[in-house]
Amino acid sequence: MCFFGFLCDVGFAFTCRVCDPKNCPEFNPKDCKVGITKDVCNCCPVCYKNVGETCGGPWNMFGVCARHLTCTKPFSPSVTIGPFNDFDAEGKCYDWS
């Protein structure tokens, strides 16, 4: 039990099951306009996200932007956990070039 929050260690955990491609959802590569990557567990194929699509979240659960795009997350001044300040944040894919 932790009485003083600032003395507690903050931990994040995520566990993937053993990869079995037979358990992957139905996937049509033709639906991927900007390329194909793997899901958060590096098992099943998923589409890269395109401009304006949702991305990020814990372990990029909401998706990963295509290589030429950036997942931009809203700034939240109320969240100050160092490098994890946007860890859970949902973003949108943008082309800043």
N, C-alpha and C. Protein backbone atom coordinates (compact mmCIF):
# COMPACT_ATOMS: atom_id res chain seq x y z
N MET A 1 0.85 -1.17 0.00
CA MET A 1 0.00 0.00 0.00
C MET A 1 0.89 1.23 0.00
N CYS A 2 0.47 2.24 -0.72
CA CYS A 2 1.25 3.46 -0.84
C CYS A 2 0.46 4.63 -0.28
N PHE A 3 1.02 5.26 0.75
CA PHE A 3 0.33 6.38 1.38
C PHE A 3 0.68 7.71 0.73
N PHE A 4 1.86 7.81 0.17
CA PHE A 4 2.31 9.05 -0.46
C PHE A 4 2.55 8.77 -1.93
N GLY A 5 1.67 9.28 -2.77
CA GLY A 5 1.72 9.01 -4.20
C GLY A 5 3.06 9.32 -4.84
N PHE A 6 3.72 10.39 -4.38
CA PHE A 6 4.98 10.76 -4.99
C PHE A 6 6.10 9.79 -4.64
N LEU A 7 5.90 8.90 -3.69
CA LEU A 7 6.91 7.91 -3.34
C LEU A 7 6.67 6.56 -4.01
N CYS A 8 5.56 6.43 -4.69
CA CYS A 8 5.21 5.16 -5.34
C CYS A 8 5.86 5.07 -6.71
N ASP A 9 6.22 3.90 -7.08
CA ASP A 9 6.75 3.64 -8.40
C ASP A 9 5.58 3.47 -9.36
N VAL A 10 5.61 4.18 -10.47
CA VAL A 10 4.55 4.07 -11.47
C VAL A 10 4.96 3.00 -12.46
N GLY A 11 4.07 2.05 -12.71
CA GLY A 11 4.39 0.98 -13.65
C GLY A 11 3.30 0.81 -14.68
N PHE A 12 3.70 0.44 -15.87
CA PHE A 12 2.78 0.17 -16.95
C PHE A 12 3.04 -1.25 -17.42
N ALA A 13 1.99 -1.99 -17.71
CA ALA A 13 2.17 -3.37 -18.15
C ALA A 13 1.20 -3.69 -19.28
N PHE A 14 1.66 -4.51 -20.18
CA PHE A 14 0.84 -4.99 -21.28
C PHE A 14 1.38 -6.36 -21.66
N THR A 15 0.50 -7.30 -21.85
CA THR A 15 0.92 -8.65 -22.18
C THR A 15 0.24 -9.11 -23.46
N CYS A 16 1.03 -9.66 -24.36
CA CYS A 16 0.50 -10.24 -25.59
C CYS A 16 0.49 -11.75 -25.47
N ARG A 17 -0.52 -12.35 -26.05
CA ARG A 17 -0.57 -13.81 -26.10
C ARG A 17 0.40 -14.29 -27.17
N VAL A 18 0.68 -15.58 -27.15
CA VAL A 18 1.53 -16.17 -28.18
C VAL A 18 0.85 -15.93 -29.53
N CYS A 19 1.63 -15.48 -30.50
CA CYS A 19 1.07 -15.15 -31.80
C CYS A 19 0.64 -16.40 -32.55
N ASP A 20 -0.61 -16.41 -32.97
CA ASP A 20 -1.14 -17.46 -33.83
C ASP A 20 -1.91 -16.76 -34.95
N PRO A 21 -1.31 -16.65 -36.13
CA PRO A 21 -1.94 -15.93 -37.24
C PRO A 21 -3.36 -16.40 -37.56
N LYS A 22 -3.70 -17.62 -37.19
CA LYS A 22 -5.07 -18.11 -37.42
C LYS A 22 -6.09 -17.31 -36.61
N ASN A 23 -5.65 -16.69 -35.52
CA ASN A 23 -6.55 -15.92 -34.66
C ASN A 23 -6.65 -14.45 -35.05
N CYS A 24 -5.92 -14.05 -36.08
CA CYS A 24 -5.96 -12.65 -36.52
C CYS A 24 -7.30 -12.34 -37.19
N PRO A 25 -7.79 -11.11 -37.02
CA PRO A 25 -9.03 -10.73 -37.69
C PRO A 25 -8.85 -10.75 -39.20
N GLU A 26 -9.96 -10.86 -39.90
CA GLU A 26 -9.92 -10.84 -41.37
C GLU A 26 -9.22 -9.56 -41.83
N PHE A 27 -8.36 -9.69 -42.83
CA PHE A 27 -7.54 -8.56 -43.27
C PHE A 27 -7.44 -8.56 -44.79
N ASN A 28 -7.70 -7.41 -45.40
CA ASN A 28 -7.55 -7.26 -46.84
C ASN A 28 -6.50 -6.18 -47.10
N PRO A 29 -5.30 -6.56 -47.57
CA PRO A 29 -4.23 -5.58 -47.81
C PRO A 29 -4.63 -4.46 -48.77
N LYS A 30 -5.60 -4.72 -49.63
CA LYS A 30 -6.05 -3.69 -50.57
C LYS A 30 -6.72 -2.52 -49.86
N ASP A 31 -7.15 -2.73 -48.61
CA ASP A 31 -7.77 -1.66 -47.83
C ASP A 31 -6.75 -0.68 -47.27
N CYS A 32 -5.47 -1.03 -47.34
CA CYS A 32 -4.40 -0.20 -46.76
C CYS A 32 -3.86 0.78 -47.80
N LYS A 33 -4.23 2.04 -47.68
CA LYS A 33 -3.84 3.05 -48.65
C LYS A 33 -2.38 3.50 -48.50
N VAL A 34 -1.82 3.40 -47.29
CA VAL A 34 -0.46 3.91 -47.06
C VAL A 34 0.49 2.85 -46.52
N GLY A 35 0.13 1.59 -46.62
CA GLY A 35 1.05 0.53 -46.22
C GLY A 35 0.53 -0.35 -45.11
N ILE A 36 1.30 -1.39 -44.85
CA ILE A 36 0.92 -2.41 -43.87
C ILE A 36 1.99 -2.53 -42.81
N THR A 37 1.56 -2.72 -41.57
CA THR A 37 2.45 -2.95 -40.44
C THR A 37 1.85 -4.08 -39.61
N LYS A 38 2.37 -4.28 -38.42
CA LYS A 38 1.83 -5.30 -37.51
C LYS A 38 1.10 -4.62 -36.36
N ASP A 39 0.24 -5.37 -35.71
CA ASP A 39 -0.51 -4.84 -34.58
C ASP A 39 0.40 -4.61 -33.38
N VAL A 40 -0.18 -4.17 -32.29
CA VAL A 40 0.57 -3.83 -31.08
C VAL A 40 1.38 -5.01 -30.54
N CYS A 41 0.94 -6.23 -30.82
CA CYS A 41 1.66 -7.43 -30.37
C CYS A 41 2.61 -7.98 -31.43
N ASN A 42 2.76 -7.24 -32.53
CA ASN A 42 3.65 -7.64 -33.61
C ASN A 42 3.26 -9.01 -34.17
N CYS A 43 1.96 -9.24 -34.29
CA CYS A 43 1.45 -10.53 -34.75
C CYS A 43 0.62 -10.39 -36.02
N CYS A 44 -0.47 -9.68 -35.93
CA CYS A 44 -1.43 -9.60 -37.04
C CYS A 44 -1.17 -8.37 -37.91
N PRO A 45 -1.38 -8.50 -39.22
CA PRO A 45 -1.21 -7.34 -40.10
C PRO A 45 -2.34 -6.33 -39.88
N VAL A 46 -1.96 -5.06 -39.91
CA VAL A 46 -2.91 -3.95 -39.83
C VAL A 46 -2.43 -2.85 -40.77
N CYS A 47 -3.31 -1.96 -41.11
CA CYS A 47 -2.95 -0.84 -41.98
C CYS A 47 -2.26 0.26 -41.18
N TYR A 48 -1.24 0.88 -41.80
CA TYR A 48 -0.71 2.12 -41.24
C TYR A 48 -1.84 3.13 -41.29
N LYS A 49 -1.81 4.10 -40.40
CA LYS A 49 -2.82 5.15 -40.36
C LYS A 49 -2.44 6.26 -41.34
N ASN A 50 -3.45 6.88 -41.93
CA ASN A 50 -3.27 7.94 -42.91
C ASN A 50 -3.59 9.29 -42.27
N VAL A 51 -3.40 10.36 -43.02
CA VAL A 51 -3.65 11.72 -42.53
C VAL A 51 -5.05 11.82 -41.93
N GLY A 52 -5.11 12.37 -40.71
CA GLY A 52 -6.38 12.60 -40.02
C GLY A 52 -6.92 11.42 -39.25
N GLU A 53 -6.27 10.25 -39.38
CA GLU A 53 -6.75 9.07 -38.67
C GLU A 53 -6.18 9.03 -37.25
N THR A 54 -6.88 8.33 -36.37
CA THR A 54 -6.49 8.21 -34.97
C THR A 54 -5.24 7.34 -34.84
N CYS A 55 -4.35 7.74 -33.93
CA CYS A 55 -3.10 7.01 -33.70
C CYS A 55 -2.71 7.12 -32.22
N GLY A 56 -1.65 6.43 -31.85
CA GLY A 56 -1.09 6.56 -30.51
C GLY A 56 -1.79 5.72 -29.47
N GLY A 57 -1.87 6.27 -28.26
CA GLY A 57 -2.42 5.53 -27.13
C GLY A 57 -1.37 4.65 -26.50
N PRO A 58 -1.72 3.97 -25.41
CA PRO A 58 -0.75 3.09 -24.77
C PRO A 58 -0.25 2.03 -25.75
N TRP A 59 1.05 1.95 -25.89
CA TRP A 59 1.68 0.98 -26.79
C TRP A 59 1.16 1.12 -28.23
N ASN A 60 0.74 2.32 -28.61
CA ASN A 60 0.19 2.59 -29.94
C ASN A 60 -1.01 1.72 -30.28
N MET A 61 -1.85 1.46 -29.29
CA MET A 61 -3.03 0.63 -29.50
C MET A 61 -4.00 1.21 -30.52
N PHE A 62 -3.98 2.53 -30.70
CA PHE A 62 -4.89 3.16 -31.65
C PHE A 62 -4.31 3.19 -33.06
N GLY A 63 -3.09 2.72 -33.21
CA GLY A 63 -2.48 2.63 -34.54
C GLY A 63 -1.22 3.45 -34.67
N VAL A 64 -0.51 3.17 -35.76
CA VAL A 64 0.76 3.82 -36.07
C VAL A 64 0.60 4.53 -37.42
N CYS A 65 1.07 5.76 -37.48
CA CYS A 65 0.99 6.53 -38.73
C CYS A 65 1.97 5.98 -39.76
N ALA A 66 1.63 6.20 -41.04
CA ALA A 66 2.54 5.85 -42.12
C ALA A 66 3.87 6.57 -41.88
N ARG A 67 4.92 6.04 -42.46
CA ARG A 67 6.28 6.53 -42.17
C ARG A 67 6.48 8.02 -42.43
N HIS A 68 5.79 8.60 -43.39
CA HIS A 68 5.98 10.02 -43.71
C HIS A 68 5.08 10.93 -42.87
N LEU A 69 4.31 10.34 -41.95
CA LEU A 69 3.39 11.11 -41.11
C LEU A 69 3.83 11.09 -39.65
N THR A 70 3.29 12.02 -38.87
CA THR A 70 3.60 12.12 -37.44
C THR A 70 2.32 12.01 -36.64
N CYS A 71 2.35 11.20 -35.58
CA CYS A 71 1.21 11.11 -34.67
C CYS A 71 1.30 12.28 -33.70
N THR A 72 0.42 13.25 -33.89
CA THR A 72 0.43 14.46 -33.08
C THR A 72 -0.63 14.35 -32.00
N LYS A 73 -0.18 14.47 -30.75
CA LYS A 73 -1.07 14.33 -29.60
C LYS A 73 -1.29 15.69 -28.96
N PRO A 74 -2.49 15.93 -28.45
CA PRO A 74 -2.76 17.22 -27.82
C PRO A 74 -1.92 17.42 -26.57
N PHE A 75 -1.46 18.65 -26.36
CA PHE A 75 -0.70 18.98 -25.16
C PHE A 75 -1.64 19.04 -23.97
N SER A 76 -1.24 18.43 -22.88
CA SER A 76 -2.05 18.44 -21.67
C SER A 76 -1.21 18.94 -20.50
N PRO A 77 -1.34 20.21 -20.10
CA PRO A 77 -0.53 20.75 -19.01
C PRO A 77 -0.81 20.08 -17.67
N SER A 78 -1.94 19.39 -17.55
CA SER A 78 -2.26 18.74 -16.28
C SER A 78 -1.55 17.41 -16.11
N VAL A 79 -0.96 16.90 -17.20
CA VAL A 79 -0.26 15.61 -17.13
C VAL A 79 1.23 15.88 -17.18
N THR A 80 1.91 15.62 -16.08
CA THR A 80 3.35 15.87 -16.02
C THR A 80 4.06 14.68 -15.41
N ILE A 81 4.16 13.62 -16.17
CA ILE A 81 4.86 12.43 -15.69
C ILE A 81 6.13 12.23 -16.51
N GLY A 82 6.83 13.31 -16.77
CA GLY A 82 8.07 13.22 -17.53
C GLY A 82 7.84 12.69 -18.93
N PRO A 83 8.65 11.71 -19.35
CA PRO A 83 8.55 11.21 -20.72
C PRO A 83 7.24 10.47 -21.01
N PHE A 84 6.46 10.18 -19.99
CA PHE A 84 5.21 9.46 -20.19
C PHE A 84 4.01 10.40 -20.28
N ASN A 85 4.25 11.72 -20.42
CA ASN A 85 3.13 12.65 -20.36
C ASN A 85 2.11 12.44 -21.47
N ASP A 86 2.50 11.84 -22.59
CA ASP A 86 1.51 11.58 -23.63
C ASP A 86 1.37 10.09 -23.91
N PHE A 87 1.82 9.27 -22.99
CA PHE A 87 1.82 7.81 -23.18
C PHE A 87 0.43 7.28 -23.51
N ASP A 88 -0.58 7.72 -22.79
CA ASP A 88 -1.95 7.24 -23.00
C ASP A 88 -2.72 8.07 -24.02
N ALA A 89 -2.12 9.14 -24.50
CA ALA A 89 -2.86 10.08 -25.34
C ALA A 89 -3.16 9.52 -26.72
N GLU A 90 -4.34 9.86 -27.17
CA GLU A 90 -4.77 9.54 -28.53
C GLU A 90 -4.40 10.73 -29.40
N GLY A 91 -3.88 10.47 -30.57
CA GLY A 91 -3.49 11.55 -31.47
C GLY A 91 -4.12 11.40 -32.84
N LYS A 92 -3.67 12.26 -33.74
CA LYS A 92 -4.09 12.21 -35.15
C LYS A 92 -2.83 12.26 -36.01
N CYS A 93 -2.88 11.57 -37.14
CA CYS A 93 -1.74 11.56 -38.06
C CYS A 93 -1.75 12.83 -38.91
N TYR A 94 -0.59 13.51 -38.98
CA TYR A 94 -0.45 14.71 -39.79
C TYR A 94 0.83 14.65 -40.60
N ASP A 95 0.81 15.35 -41.72
CA ASP A 95 1.99 15.49 -42.57
C ASP A 95 2.52 16.90 -42.36
N TRP A 96 3.60 17.03 -41.62
CA TRP A 96 4.15 18.34 -41.29
C TRP A 96 5.25 18.77 -42.25
N SER A 97 5.46 18.01 -43.33
CA SER A 97 6.55 18.37 -44.26
C SER A 97 6.14 19.48 -45.22
